[in-house]
Amino acid sequence: FILKQELIQNADDAQATEVIFIHDERSYGTESLWSSNLGQYQGPALYAYNNAVFTDEDWERIQKAGRSGKINDPNKIGRFGIGFNSVYHIT
């Protein structure tokens, strides 16, 4: 639930007008994985989509977990840099 809220919040901050979640219950093959240990993660998945454009600034921020670049922007919900940690934890 927290993960879904974080992804909706990020979509809102990016000014997306559409957010879609898909629960895929399929499992996929493990023959071409880099490591056999990754096979356990080939099961069901949650796909998240929003229609905002991922910018170069977004790419820089996603690499700095726990350090928000939005802290001084009162128009952003996610200003503290900690919410996306839930996404890192799950993935």
C-alpha atoms as a PDB file:
ATOM      1  CA  PHE A   1       0.000   0.000   0.000  1.00  0.00           C
ATOM      2  CA  ILE A   2       2.796   2.459   0.884  1.00  0.00           C
ATOM      3  CA  LEU A   3       4.563   1.648  -2.376  1.00  0.00           C
ATOM      4  CA  LYS A   4       1.445   2.471  -4.374  1.00  0.00           C
ATOM      5  CA  GLN A   5       0.976   5.765  -2.497  1.00  0.00           C
ATOM      6  CA  GLU A   6       4.605   6.714  -3.162  1.00  0.00           C
ATOM      7  CA  LEU A   7       4.276   6.052  -6.883  1.00  0.00           C
ATOM      8  CA  ILE A   8       1.050   8.096  -7.051  1.00  0.00           C
ATOM      9  CA  GLN A   9       2.754  10.906  -5.132  1.00  0.00           C
ATOM     10  CA  ASN A  10       5.716  10.874  -7.521  1.00  0.00           C
ATOM     11  CA  ALA A  11       3.353  10.936 -10.505  1.00  0.00           C
ATOM     12  CA  ASP A  12       1.585  13.949  -9.018  1.00  0.00           C
ATOM     13  CA  ASP A  13       4.892  15.740  -8.397  1.00  0.00           C
ATOM     14  CA  ALA A  14       5.802  15.096 -12.046  1.00  0.00           C
ATOM     15  CA  GLN A  15       2.421  16.535 -13.116  1.00  0.00           C
ATOM     16  CA  ALA A  16       1.213  13.267 -14.615  1.00  0.00           C
ATOM     17  CA  THR A  17      -2.456  13.145 -15.523  1.00  0.00           C
ATOM     18  CA  GLU A  18      -2.673   9.354 -15.666  1.00  0.00           C
ATOM     19  CA  VAL A  19      -1.439   6.603 -13.325  1.00  0.00           C
ATOM     20  CA  ILE A  20      -1.968   2.913 -14.049  1.00  0.00           C
ATOM     21  CA  PHE A  21      -1.090  -0.149 -11.964  1.00  0.00           C
ATOM     22  CA  ILE A  22      -1.128  -3.662 -13.394  1.00  0.00           C
ATOM     23  CA  HIS A  23      -0.781  -6.806 -11.296  1.00  0.00           C
ATOM     24  CA  ASP A  24       0.795  -9.460 -13.519  1.00  0.00           C
ATOM     25  CA  GLU A  25       0.450 -12.952 -12.049  1.00  0.00           C
ATOM     26  CA  ARG A  26       2.525 -14.658 -14.725  1.00  0.00           C
ATOM     27  CA  SER A  27       5.874 -16.308 -14.036  1.00  0.00           C
ATOM     28  CA  TYR A  28       8.739 -16.164 -16.497  1.00  0.00           C
ATOM     29  CA  GLY A  29      11.591 -18.462 -17.448  1.00  0.00           C
ATOM     30  CA  THR A  30      14.901 -18.454 -15.649  1.00  0.00           C
ATOM     31  CA  GLU A  31      17.207 -19.758 -18.390  1.00  0.00           C
ATOM     32  CA  SER A  32      18.658 -16.396 -19.444  1.00  0.00           C
ATOM     33  CA  LEU A  33      19.135 -14.739 -16.043  1.00  0.00           C
ATOM     34  CA  TRP A  34      22.548 -13.428 -14.978  1.00  0.00           C
ATOM     35  CA  SER A  35      22.363 -15.535 -11.830  1.00  0.00           C
ATOM     36  CA  SER A  36      20.248 -18.518 -10.820  1.00  0.00           C
ATOM     37  CA  ASN A  37      19.520 -16.663  -7.550  1.00  0.00           C
ATOM     38  CA  LEU A  38      17.370 -14.208  -9.525  1.00  0.00           C
ATOM     39  CA  GLY A  39      14.901 -16.946 -10.462  1.00  0.00           C
ATOM     40  CA  GLN A  40      12.893 -16.373  -7.301  1.00  0.00           C
ATOM     41  CA  TYR A  41      11.994 -12.902  -8.599  1.00  0.00           C
ATOM     42  CA  GLN A  42      10.500 -14.083 -11.888  1.00  0.00           C
ATOM     43  CA  GLY A  43       7.030 -14.509 -10.415  1.00  0.00           C
ATOM     44  CA  PRO A  44       4.137 -12.071 -10.097  1.00  0.00           C
ATOM     45  CA  ALA A  45       4.891  -8.380 -10.587  1.00  0.00           C
ATOM     46  CA  LEU A  46       3.365  -4.961 -10.066  1.00  0.00           C
ATOM     47  CA  TYR A  47       3.822  -2.659 -13.039  1.00  0.00           C
ATOM     48  CA  ALA A  48       3.386   1.067 -12.491  1.00  0.00           C
ATOM     49  CA  TYR A  49       2.972   3.627 -15.255  1.00  0.00           C
ATOM     50  CA  ASN A  50       2.352   7.353 -15.381  1.00  0.00           C
ATOM     51  CA  ASN A  51       2.303   9.631 -18.404  1.00  0.00           C
ATOM     52  CA  ALA A  52       4.842  12.176 -17.154  1.00  0.00           C
ATOM     53  CA  VAL A  53       8.184  12.508 -18.943  1.00  0.00           C
ATOM     54  CA  PHE A  54      11.219  11.246 -16.995  1.00  0.00           C
ATOM     55  CA  THR A  55      13.763  14.079 -17.136  1.00  0.00           C
ATOM     56  CA  ASP A  56      17.528  14.246 -16.738  1.00  0.00           C
ATOM     57  CA  GLU A  57      16.902  15.912 -13.359  1.00  0.00           C
ATOM     58  CA  ASP A  58      14.684  12.953 -12.350  1.00  0.00           C
ATOM     59  CA  TRP A  59      17.510  10.574 -13.303  1.00  0.00           C
ATOM     60  CA  GLU A  60      19.913  12.499 -11.057  1.00  0.00           C
ATOM     61  CA  ARG A  61      17.466  12.485  -8.145  1.00  0.00           C
ATOM     62  CA  ILE A  62      16.634   8.785  -8.329  1.00  0.00           C
ATOM     63  CA  GLN A  63      20.316   8.026  -7.800  1.00  0.00           C
ATOM     64  CA  LYS A  64      20.356   9.982  -4.521  1.00  0.00           C
ATOM     65  CA  ALA A  65      18.060   7.981  -2.255  1.00  0.00           C
ATOM     66  CA  GLY A  66      17.236   9.792   0.958  1.00  0.00           C
ATOM     67  CA  ARG A  67      18.406  13.182  -0.313  1.00  0.00           C
ATOM     68  CA  SER A  68      15.520  15.125  -1.779  1.00  0.00           C
ATOM     69  CA  GLY A  69      16.051  17.731  -4.454  1.00  0.00           C
ATOM     70  CA  LYS A  70      12.474  18.907  -3.932  1.00  0.00           C
ATOM     71  CA  ILE A  71      12.853  20.062  -0.313  1.00  0.00           C
ATOM     72  CA  ASN A  72      12.446  23.764  -1.130  1.00  0.00           C
ATOM     73  CA  ASP A  73       9.504  23.322  -3.502  1.00  0.00           C
ATOM     74  CA  PRO A  74       6.218  23.759  -1.597  1.00  0.00           C
ATOM     75  CA  ASN A  75       4.286  22.482  -4.632  1.00  0.00           C
ATOM     76  CA  LYS A  76       5.805  19.008  -4.313  1.00  0.00           C
ATOM     77  CA  ILE A  77       4.343  16.341  -2.046  1.00  0.00           C
ATOM     78  CA  GLY A  78       7.524  14.281  -1.869  1.00  0.00           C
ATOM     79  CA  ARG A  79       9.995  16.772  -0.487  1.00  0.00           C
ATOM     80  CA  PHE A  80      11.904  14.726   2.046  1.00  0.00           C
ATOM     81  CA  GLY A  81      13.685  12.102  -0.057  1.00  0.00           C
ATOM     82  CA  ILE A  82      12.647   9.078   1.986  1.00  0.00           C
ATOM     83  CA  GLY A  83       9.430   7.811   0.387  1.00  0.00           C
ATOM     84  CA  PHE A  84      11.105   6.285  -2.647  1.00  0.00           C
ATOM     85  CA  ASN A  85      13.059   4.024  -0.284  1.00  0.00           C
ATOM     86  CA  SER A  86       9.888   1.876  -0.202  1.00  0.00           C
ATOM     87  CA  VAL A  87      10.302   1.329  -3.941  1.00  0.00           C
ATOM     88  CA  TYR A  88      13.975   0.394  -3.532  1.00  0.00           C
ATOM     89  CA  HIS A  89      13.057  -1.995  -0.722  1.00  0.00           C
ATOM     90  CA  ILE A  90      10.492  -3.865  -2.836  1.00  0.00           C
ATOM     91  CA  THR A  91      12.540  -3.928  -6.013  1.00  0.00           C
END
